[in-house]
Amino acid sequence: MALFVITVLALIIASMSQLQNDSSNSIGLQVNSHRAFYSAEAGVEIALNLLIPPDGSVARSCATTPFYSKTYTIAGLNNCSVSVICDSILVNSNDYYTLRSTGYCGNGIDRAQRTVEVRVK
């Protein structure tokens, strides 16, 4: 009977250990996912300023490939990068621009990627 109880307790402890390990891996990926989103969001905001400069200076051509890219070294976005592409279409004599910003954070199994897309006239 004692051997049975010890075996059952060992199985319970092993399964709890596996749950804890899975939970900690999930949290690391979730953190990188949020960082990738903020990286993509920052990239699209900078790209908007390059496409439509607030000071009226000359805008960057939408045909530039990539339109904007950066590898961050600041706290919070360290080991993250962003790449922004720009597409334009002409509709009824109006130019519409689509900026697609993709942020990447982390390495290996913890690597996360998020995309933000903005359309402006």
N, C-alpha and C. Protein backbone atom coordinates (compact mmCIF):
# COMPACT_ATOMS: atom_id res chain seq x y z
N MET A 1 0.82 -1.20 0.00
CA MET A 1 0.00 0.00 0.00
C MET A 1 0.86 1.27 0.00
N ALA A 2 1.93 1.25 0.77
CA ALA A 2 2.81 2.42 0.85
C ALA A 2 3.48 2.67 -0.50
N LEU A 3 3.82 1.61 -1.21
CA LEU A 3 4.44 1.76 -2.53
C LEU A 3 3.47 2.41 -3.51
N PHE A 4 2.20 2.06 -3.42
CA PHE A 4 1.17 2.65 -4.27
C PHE A 4 1.04 4.15 -3.99
N VAL A 5 1.01 4.54 -2.74
CA VAL A 5 0.89 5.95 -2.35
C VAL A 5 2.10 6.74 -2.83
N ILE A 6 3.29 6.17 -2.67
CA ILE A 6 4.51 6.84 -3.12
C ILE A 6 4.49 7.01 -4.64
N THR A 7 4.03 6.02 -5.37
CA THR A 7 3.96 6.11 -6.84
C THR A 7 2.97 7.18 -7.27
N VAL A 8 1.81 7.21 -6.64
CA VAL A 8 0.79 8.22 -6.98
C VAL A 8 1.32 9.62 -6.67
N LEU A 9 1.95 9.81 -5.52
CA LEU A 9 2.51 11.11 -5.17
C LEU A 9 3.61 11.52 -6.15
N ALA A 10 4.43 10.58 -6.58
CA ALA A 10 5.49 10.88 -7.56
C ALA A 10 4.89 11.34 -8.89
N LEU A 11 3.81 10.68 -9.32
CA LEU A 11 3.14 11.08 -10.57
C LEU A 11 2.53 12.48 -10.44
N ILE A 12 1.93 12.76 -9.30
CA ILE A 12 1.34 14.08 -9.09
C ILE A 12 2.43 15.15 -9.10
N ILE A 13 3.53 14.90 -8.43
CA ILE A 13 4.63 15.87 -8.40
C ILE A 13 5.22 16.06 -9.79
N ALA A 14 5.38 15.00 -10.56
CA ALA A 14 5.92 15.11 -11.92
C ALA A 14 5.00 15.92 -12.82
N SER A 15 3.68 15.69 -12.71
CA SER A 15 2.75 16.45 -13.55
C SER A 15 2.71 17.92 -13.13
N MET A 16 2.80 18.22 -11.83
CA MET A 16 2.83 19.61 -11.38
C MET A 16 4.10 20.30 -11.86
N SER A 17 5.20 19.58 -11.86
CA SER A 17 6.46 20.14 -12.35
C SER A 17 6.36 20.48 -13.83
N GLN A 18 5.74 19.59 -14.61
CA GLN A 18 5.56 19.84 -16.04
C GLN A 18 4.66 21.04 -16.27
N LEU A 19 3.58 21.18 -15.50
CA LEU A 19 2.69 22.34 -15.62
C LEU A 19 3.44 23.64 -15.32
N GLN A 20 4.27 23.63 -14.31
CA GLN A 20 5.05 24.81 -13.94
C GLN A 20 6.01 25.18 -15.07
N ASN A 21 6.66 24.18 -15.65
CA ASN A 21 7.59 24.42 -16.74
C ASN A 21 6.88 25.00 -17.96
N ASP A 22 5.71 24.43 -18.31
CA ASP A 22 4.93 24.94 -19.44
C ASP A 22 4.47 26.37 -19.20
N SER A 23 4.09 26.66 -17.96
CA SER A 23 3.62 28.00 -17.60
C SER A 23 4.74 29.03 -17.75
N SER A 24 5.94 28.69 -17.30
CA SER A 24 7.05 29.65 -17.40
C SER A 24 7.45 29.87 -18.85
N ASN A 25 7.40 28.84 -19.68
CA ASN A 25 7.70 29.01 -21.11
C ASN A 25 6.65 29.90 -21.77
N SER A 26 5.40 29.73 -21.39
CA SER A 26 4.32 30.52 -21.95
C SER A 26 4.47 31.99 -21.59
N ILE A 27 4.88 32.29 -20.37
CA ILE A 27 5.05 33.68 -19.93
C ILE A 27 6.17 34.36 -20.72
N GLY A 28 7.28 33.64 -20.96
CA GLY A 28 8.37 34.21 -21.75
C GLY A 28 7.94 34.57 -23.15
N LEU A 29 7.16 33.70 -23.79
CA LEU A 29 6.67 33.97 -25.14
C LEU A 29 5.67 35.12 -25.13
N GLN A 30 4.85 35.19 -24.09
CA GLN A 30 3.87 36.27 -23.99
C GLN A 30 4.57 37.62 -23.85
N VAL A 31 5.62 37.69 -23.07
CA VAL A 31 6.38 38.94 -22.92
C VAL A 31 6.98 39.35 -24.26
N ASN A 32 7.59 38.41 -24.98
CA ASN A 32 8.16 38.73 -26.29
C ASN A 32 7.08 39.13 -27.29
N SER A 33 5.90 38.55 -27.16
CA SER A 33 4.80 38.91 -28.04
C SER A 33 4.39 40.37 -27.84
N HIS A 34 4.29 40.79 -26.58
CA HIS A 34 3.96 42.20 -26.29
C HIS A 34 5.07 43.13 -26.79
N ARG A 35 6.31 42.74 -26.57
CA ARG A 35 7.43 43.57 -27.02
C ARG A 35 7.44 43.67 -28.54
N ALA A 36 7.12 42.59 -29.25
CA ALA A 36 7.08 42.61 -30.72
C ALA A 36 5.97 43.54 -31.20
N PHE A 37 4.83 43.53 -30.51
CA PHE A 37 3.73 44.44 -30.87
C PHE A 37 4.16 45.90 -30.71
N TYR A 38 4.79 46.23 -29.58
CA TYR A 38 5.23 47.60 -29.36
C TYR A 38 6.33 48.00 -30.34
N SER A 39 7.16 47.06 -30.72
CA SER A 39 8.18 47.32 -31.73
C SER A 39 7.53 47.66 -33.07
N ALA A 40 6.53 46.88 -33.46
CA ALA A 40 5.82 47.14 -34.72
C ALA A 40 5.07 48.47 -34.66
N GLU A 41 4.47 48.77 -33.52
CA GLU A 41 3.74 50.03 -33.37
C GLU A 41 4.69 51.23 -33.46
N ALA A 42 5.85 51.13 -32.82
CA ALA A 42 6.83 52.22 -32.89
C ALA A 42 7.32 52.39 -34.33
N GLY A 43 7.53 51.28 -35.02
CA GLY A 43 7.99 51.34 -36.41
C GLY A 43 7.00 52.04 -37.33
N VAL A 44 5.72 51.73 -37.17
CA VAL A 44 4.72 52.35 -38.04
C VAL A 44 4.57 53.84 -37.71
N GLU A 45 4.73 54.23 -36.46
CA GLU A 45 4.65 55.65 -36.11
C GLU A 45 5.82 56.43 -36.71
N ILE A 46 7.01 55.87 -36.66
CA ILE A 46 8.17 56.54 -37.27
C ILE A 46 7.99 56.60 -38.79
N ALA A 47 7.50 55.50 -39.37
CA ALA A 47 7.29 55.47 -40.82
C ALA A 47 6.27 56.50 -41.26
N LEU A 48 5.22 56.70 -40.47
CA LEU A 48 4.23 57.74 -40.80
C LEU A 48 4.88 59.12 -40.84
N ASN A 49 5.79 59.39 -39.90
CA ASN A 49 6.50 60.67 -39.90
C ASN A 49 7.43 60.80 -41.09
N LEU A 50 7.96 59.69 -41.59
CA LEU A 50 8.81 59.75 -42.78
C LEU A 50 7.98 59.93 -44.05
N LEU A 51 6.79 59.32 -44.07
CA LEU A 51 5.91 59.41 -45.23
C LEU A 51 5.21 60.77 -45.33
N ILE A 52 4.75 61.26 -44.18
CA ILE A 52 4.06 62.56 -44.12
C ILE A 52 4.74 63.38 -43.03
N PRO A 53 5.87 64.02 -43.35
CA PRO A 53 6.62 64.76 -42.33
C PRO A 53 5.78 65.89 -41.73
N PRO A 54 5.71 65.97 -40.41
CA PRO A 54 4.91 67.00 -39.77
C PRO A 54 5.46 68.41 -39.98
N ASP A 55 6.76 68.52 -40.29
CA ASP A 55 7.34 69.84 -40.49
C ASP A 55 7.28 70.29 -41.95
N GLY A 56 6.65 69.49 -42.82
CA GLY A 56 6.51 69.87 -44.22
C GLY A 56 7.73 69.61 -45.07
N SER A 57 8.75 68.94 -44.52
CA SER A 57 9.95 68.64 -45.30
C SER A 57 9.65 67.55 -46.34
N VAL A 58 10.63 67.23 -47.15
CA VAL A 58 10.46 66.26 -48.23
C VAL A 58 10.22 64.87 -47.64
N ALA A 59 9.20 64.20 -48.16
CA ALA A 59 8.84 62.87 -47.66
C ALA A 59 9.70 61.80 -48.31
N ARG A 60 9.85 60.68 -47.62
CA ARG A 60 10.55 59.52 -48.18
C ARG A 60 9.62 58.86 -49.20
N SER A 61 10.20 58.39 -50.29
CA SER A 61 9.42 57.72 -51.33
C SER A 61 8.88 56.40 -50.82
N CYS A 62 7.62 56.14 -51.13
CA CYS A 62 6.99 54.89 -50.71
C CYS A 62 7.65 53.68 -51.39
N ALA A 63 8.32 53.90 -52.50
CA ALA A 63 8.95 52.81 -53.24
C ALA A 63 10.23 52.30 -52.57
N THR A 64 10.73 53.01 -51.55
CA THR A 64 11.93 52.59 -50.84
C THR A 64 11.68 51.24 -50.16
N THR A 65 12.61 50.29 -50.36
CA THR A 65 12.44 48.96 -49.77
C THR A 65 13.64 48.59 -48.92
N PRO A 66 13.52 48.25 -47.66
CA PRO A 66 12.30 48.46 -46.87
C PRO A 66 12.12 49.95 -46.62
N PHE A 67 10.89 50.33 -46.39
CA PHE A 67 10.60 51.74 -46.17
C PHE A 67 11.30 52.23 -44.90
N TYR A 68 11.31 51.39 -43.88
CA TYR A 68 11.99 51.71 -42.62
C TYR A 68 12.34 50.40 -41.93
N SER A 69 13.52 50.34 -41.34
CA SER A 69 13.89 49.17 -40.53
C SER A 69 14.84 49.62 -39.43
N LYS A 70 14.79 48.90 -38.32
CA LYS A 70 15.64 49.26 -37.20
C LYS A 70 15.76 48.06 -36.27
N THR A 71 16.94 47.92 -35.67
CA THR A 71 17.16 46.97 -34.59
C THR A 71 17.34 47.78 -33.32
N TYR A 72 16.49 47.54 -32.36
CA TYR A 72 16.48 48.34 -31.13
C TYR A 72 17.55 47.87 -30.15
N THR A 73 18.15 48.83 -29.46
CA THR A 73 19.14 48.52 -28.42
C THR A 73 18.76 49.20 -27.11
N ILE A 74 17.57 49.78 -27.05
CA ILE A 74 17.14 50.47 -25.84
C ILE A 74 16.47 49.50 -24.88
N ALA A 75 16.43 49.85 -23.62
CA ALA A 75 15.79 49.01 -22.61
C ALA A 75 14.31 48.82 -22.96
N GLY A 76 13.83 47.64 -22.80
CA GLY A 76 12.43 47.33 -23.10
C GLY A 76 12.26 46.73 -24.47
N LEU A 77 13.03 47.20 -25.45
CA LEU A 77 12.94 46.66 -26.81
C LEU A 77 14.27 46.06 -27.25
N ASN A 78 15.17 45.83 -26.30
CA ASN A 78 16.46 45.21 -26.64
C ASN A 78 16.21 43.83 -27.24
N ASN A 79 16.96 43.49 -28.28
CA ASN A 79 16.81 42.22 -29.00
C ASN A 79 15.51 42.18 -29.80
N CYS A 80 15.00 43.35 -30.17
CA CYS A 80 13.81 43.45 -31.02
C CYS A 80 14.19 44.22 -32.29
N SER A 81 13.47 43.96 -33.35
CA SER A 81 13.70 44.70 -34.59
C SER A 81 12.35 44.93 -35.26
N VAL A 82 12.36 45.86 -36.22
CA VAL A 82 11.15 46.18 -36.95
C VAL A 82 11.50 46.42 -38.41
N SER A 83 10.58 46.05 -39.28
CA SER A 83 10.72 46.31 -40.70
C SER A 83 9.36 46.80 -41.21
N VAL A 84 9.37 47.91 -41.94
CA VAL A 84 8.13 48.50 -42.45
C VAL A 84 8.19 48.53 -43.97
N ILE A 85 7.12 48.09 -44.60
CA ILE A 85 7.00 48.20 -46.05
C ILE A 85 5.86 49.15 -46.36
N CYS A 86 5.94 49.79 -47.51
CA CYS A 86 4.95 50.78 -47.92
C CYS A 86 4.41 50.41 -49.29
N ASP A 87 3.10 50.44 -49.41
CA ASP A 87 2.44 50.25 -50.71
C ASP A 87 1.56 51.45 -50.95
N SER A 88 1.44 51.85 -52.22
CA SER A 88 0.55 52.97 -52.54
C SER A 88 -0.37 52.57 -53.69
N ILE A 89 -1.58 53.11 -53.63
CA ILE A 89 -2.53 52.93 -54.73
C ILE A 89 -3.18 54.27 -55.01
N LEU A 90 -3.59 54.46 -56.24
CA LEU A 90 -4.25 55.69 -56.68
C LEU A 90 -5.72 55.38 -56.90
N VAL A 91 -6.61 56.07 -56.17
CA VAL A 91 -8.05 55.88 -56.30
C VAL A 91 -8.68 57.25 -56.49
N ASN A 92 -9.33 57.45 -57.63
CA ASN A 92 -10.00 58.72 -57.93
C ASN A 92 -9.08 59.92 -57.70
N SER A 93 -7.89 59.86 -58.23
CA SER A 93 -6.88 60.92 -58.13
C SER A 93 -6.37 61.15 -56.71
N ASN A 94 -6.61 60.22 -55.81
CA ASN A 94 -6.11 60.32 -54.43
C ASN A 94 -5.12 59.18 -54.18
N ASP A 95 -3.98 59.52 -53.60
CA ASP A 95 -3.01 58.51 -53.23
C ASP A 95 -3.36 57.96 -51.85
N TYR A 96 -3.41 56.63 -51.74
CA TYR A 96 -3.61 55.96 -50.46
C TYR A 96 -2.36 55.12 -50.19
N TYR A 97 -1.84 55.24 -48.98
CA TYR A 97 -0.62 54.52 -48.61
C TYR A 97 -0.95 53.50 -47.52
N THR A 98 -0.39 52.32 -47.66
CA THR A 98 -0.54 51.28 -46.65
C THR A 98 0.84 50.99 -46.08
N LEU A 99 0.99 51.19 -44.79
CA LEU A 99 2.24 50.88 -44.10
C LEU A 99 2.03 49.60 -43.30
N ARG A 100 2.86 48.60 -43.55
CA ARG A 100 2.78 47.32 -42.84
C ARG A 100 4.07 47.15 -42.04
N SER A 101 3.95 47.22 -40.73
CA SER A 101 5.10 47.17 -39.84
C SER A 101 5.11 45.83 -39.11
N THR A 102 6.24 45.12 -39.19
CA THR A 102 6.37 43.83 -38.53
C THR A 102 7.48 43.91 -37.50
N GLY A 103 7.12 43.63 -36.25
CA GLY A 103 8.08 43.64 -35.16
C GLY A 103 8.46 42.22 -34.77
N TYR A 104 9.73 42.02 -34.46
CA TYR A 104 10.26 40.71 -34.06
C TYR A 104 10.99 40.87 -32.74
N CYS A 105 10.79 39.93 -31.82
CA CYS A 105 11.51 39.94 -30.55
C CYS A 105 11.82 38.52 -30.13
N GLY A 106 12.98 38.37 -29.50
CA GLY A 106 13.35 37.06 -28.96
C GLY A 106 14.14 36.23 -29.95
N ASN A 107 14.54 35.05 -29.48
CA ASN A 107 15.31 34.11 -30.29
C ASN A 107 14.75 32.71 -30.12
N GLY A 108 14.97 31.89 -31.11
CA GLY A 108 14.61 30.49 -31.02
C GLY A 108 13.14 30.26 -30.77
N ILE A 109 12.85 29.38 -29.81
CA ILE A 109 11.47 29.00 -29.52
C ILE A 109 10.68 30.15 -28.91
N ASP A 110 11.35 31.13 -28.32
CA ASP A 110 10.67 32.29 -27.71
C ASP A 110 10.52 33.46 -28.67
N ARG A 111 10.84 33.29 -29.95
CA ARG A 111 10.74 34.38 -30.92
C ARG A 111 9.27 34.68 -31.22
N ALA A 112 8.94 35.96 -31.17
CA ALA A 112 7.57 36.41 -31.43
C ALA A 112 7.58 37.42 -32.57
N GLN A 113 6.51 37.43 -33.34
CA GLN A 113 6.37 38.35 -34.47
C GLN A 113 4.96 38.91 -34.44
N ARG A 114 4.84 40.24 -34.57
CA ARG A 114 3.54 40.89 -34.62
C ARG A 114 3.55 41.92 -35.74
N THR A 115 2.40 42.10 -36.38
CA THR A 115 2.28 43.02 -37.51
C THR A 115 1.19 44.05 -37.23
N VAL A 116 1.49 45.30 -37.55
CA VAL A 116 0.53 46.40 -37.46
C VAL A 116 0.42 47.02 -38.84
N GLU A 117 -0.80 47.27 -39.29
CA GLU A 117 -1.00 47.85 -40.63
C GLU A 117 -1.82 49.12 -40.50
N VAL A 118 -1.38 50.16 -41.22
CA VAL A 118 -2.06 51.46 -41.18
C VAL A 118 -2.24 51.94 -42.61
N ARG A 119 -3.42 52.49 -42.91
CA ARG A 119 -3.67 53.06 -44.23
C ARG A 119 -3.95 54.54 -44.06
N VAL A 120 -3.27 55.37 -44.85
CA VAL A 120 -3.44 56.83 -44.78
C VAL A 120 -3.67 57.40 -46.16
N LYS A 121 -4.28 58.56 -46.18
CA LYS A 121 -4.56 59.26 -47.43
C LYS A 121 -3.70 60.49 -47.51
